[in-house]
Amino acid sequence: MSSSLITVLLLIVSNVFMTLAWYGHLSLRDRGISTSWPLYVIILMSWGIALLEYCCQVPANRIGYEGSGGPFSLIQLKVMQEVITLVVFVIFSMIAFEGFHLQWNHCLAFLLLIAAVYLVFMK
């Protein structure tokens, strides 16, 4: 498997964990599961999930970074990561939160992000 593909897959997995760590507790609260949990429990749970995120994010950057022999520049890694973050967030939000709907301005913003990826990868 190529380092490009490994990097992208690790970025996707890390962003799934990141989204769960940052926003999963809100979905649990909305469903009535964690309404009585103290904040420190939510924080510790999020830290545990975030550890899994870092276990994927750090290798993705090391494998993908051209300074480590990978195919991507630092800015390419960052822009890819941001786009992946938003895609994962939208999918998660549509699954985990009732009433979440994409609007035209969200779609336009995503198109602009895709344009940013294109520009960053231009030679």
Protein backbone atom coordinates (compact mmCIF):
# COMPACT_ATOMS: atom_id res chain seq x y z
CA MET A 1 0.00 0.00 0.00
CA SER A 2 1.37 3.42 -0.92
CA SER A 3 2.34 5.99 1.68
CA SER A 4 -0.22 8.38 0.14
CA LEU A 5 -3.07 5.96 0.75
CA ILE A 6 -1.86 5.03 4.23
CA THR A 7 -1.62 8.72 5.11
CA VAL A 8 -5.15 9.48 3.91
CA LEU A 9 -6.62 6.42 5.66
CA LEU A 10 -4.90 7.30 8.94
CA LEU A 11 -6.13 10.89 8.63
CA ILE A 12 -9.70 9.65 8.14
CA VAL A 13 -9.52 7.33 11.14
CA SER A 14 -7.91 10.00 13.32
CA ASN A 15 -10.63 12.47 12.37
CA VAL A 16 -13.37 9.99 13.23
CA PHE A 17 -11.86 9.70 16.71
CA MET A 18 -11.37 13.47 16.94
CA THR A 19 -14.98 14.15 16.01
CA LEU A 20 -16.19 11.61 18.57
CA ALA A 21 -13.96 13.16 21.24
CA TRP A 22 -15.06 16.72 20.52
CA TYR A 23 -18.75 16.26 19.70
CA GLY A 24 -19.81 12.76 20.74
CA HIS A 25 -20.67 13.88 24.27
CA LEU A 26 -23.13 16.42 22.84
CA SER A 27 -24.97 13.66 21.02
CA LEU A 28 -24.99 11.56 24.21
CA ARG A 29 -26.45 14.52 26.09
CA ASP A 30 -29.11 15.12 23.43
CA ARG A 31 -30.14 11.45 23.71
CA GLY A 32 -30.40 11.75 27.50
CA ILE A 33 -27.52 9.36 28.14
CA SER A 34 -24.98 11.68 29.74
CA THR A 35 -27.15 14.47 31.17
CA SER A 36 -26.18 13.62 34.74
CA TRP A 37 -22.52 12.89 34.10
CA PRO A 38 -20.12 15.37 35.72
CA LEU A 39 -17.96 17.44 33.39
CA TYR A 40 -14.74 15.74 34.53
CA VAL A 41 -16.12 12.36 33.34
CA ILE A 42 -16.90 13.86 29.92
CA ILE A 43 -13.40 15.37 29.77
CA LEU A 44 -11.68 12.12 30.73
CA MET A 45 -13.77 10.18 28.22
CA SER A 46 -12.90 12.71 25.50
CA TRP A 47 -9.19 12.54 26.40
CA GLY A 48 -9.27 8.76 26.07
CA ILE A 49 -10.82 9.03 22.62
CA ALA A 50 -8.41 11.82 21.66
CA LEU A 51 -5.49 9.54 22.54
CA LEU A 52 -6.71 7.17 19.82
CA GLU A 53 -6.89 10.14 17.46
CA TYR A 54 -3.25 11.03 18.14
CA CYS A 55 -2.23 7.40 17.65
CA CYS A 56 -3.40 7.78 14.04
CA GLN A 57 -2.72 11.47 13.38
CA VAL A 58 0.96 11.48 14.33
CA PRO A 59 1.86 8.45 12.16
CA ALA A 60 -0.18 9.90 9.28
CA ASN A 61 1.88 13.08 9.40
CA ARG A 62 5.17 11.21 9.76
CA ILE A 63 4.41 8.81 6.92
CA GLY A 64 2.97 11.49 4.63
CA TYR A 65 5.41 14.34 5.21
CA GLU A 66 7.97 14.81 2.45
CA GLY A 67 10.64 15.59 5.05
CA SER A 68 10.21 12.02 6.29
CA GLY A 69 10.22 10.54 2.80
CA GLY A 70 6.47 10.88 2.20
CA PRO A 71 4.73 12.42 -0.79
CA PHE A 72 3.13 15.52 0.82
CA SER A 73 4.35 18.96 1.81
CA LEU A 74 3.41 20.32 5.21
CA ILE A 75 0.72 22.59 3.75
CA GLN A 76 -0.73 19.73 1.67
CA LEU A 77 -1.02 17.59 4.80
CA LYS A 78 -2.76 20.38 6.69
CA VAL A 79 -5.26 21.24 3.95
CA MET A 80 -6.09 17.54 3.42
CA GLN A 81 -6.58 17.12 7.15
CA GLU A 82 -8.97 20.10 7.32
CA VAL A 83 -11.09 18.86 4.42
CA ILE A 84 -11.21 15.35 5.88
CA THR A 85 -12.19 16.85 9.25
CA LEU A 86 -15.13 18.68 7.74
CA VAL A 87 -16.32 15.71 5.70
CA VAL A 88 -16.16 13.43 8.75
CA PHE A 89 -17.91 16.10 10.85
CA VAL A 90 -20.78 16.46 8.38
CA ILE A 91 -21.30 12.70 8.14
CA PHE A 92 -21.16 12.35 11.93
CA SER A 93 -23.57 15.25 12.42
CA MET A 94 -26.08 13.80 9.97
CA ILE A 95 -25.99 10.48 11.84
CA ALA A 96 -25.72 11.67 15.44
CA PHE A 97 -27.87 14.81 15.54
CA GLU A 98 -31.52 15.01 14.59
CA GLY A 99 -32.39 18.07 12.59
CA PHE A 100 -28.90 18.64 11.17
CA HIS A 101 -29.20 19.57 7.51
CA LEU A 102 -26.71 20.93 5.04
CA GLN A 103 -27.65 24.30 3.60
CA TRP A 104 -26.55 25.91 0.35
CA ASN A 105 -23.89 28.01 2.07
CA HIS A 106 -22.37 24.89 3.67
CA CYS A 107 -22.16 23.23 0.26
CA LEU A 108 -20.55 26.32 -1.24
CA ALA A 109 -18.03 26.42 1.60
CA PHE A 110 -17.11 22.79 0.89
CA LEU A 111 -16.65 23.54 -2.79
CA LEU A 112 -14.29 26.34 -1.84
CA LEU A 113 -12.34 23.93 0.37
CA ILE A 114 -12.06 21.51 -2.54
CA ALA A 115 -10.73 24.42 -4.58
CA ALA A 116 -8.20 25.05 -1.80
CA VAL A 117 -7.04 21.43 -2.02
CA TYR A 118 -6.68 21.78 -5.78
CA LEU A 119 -4.64 24.97 -5.42
CA VAL A 120 -2.37 23.47 -2.77
CA PHE A 121 -1.59 20.48 -4.97
CA MET A 122 -0.91 22.57 -8.10
CA LYS A 123 2.69 22.57 -9.25
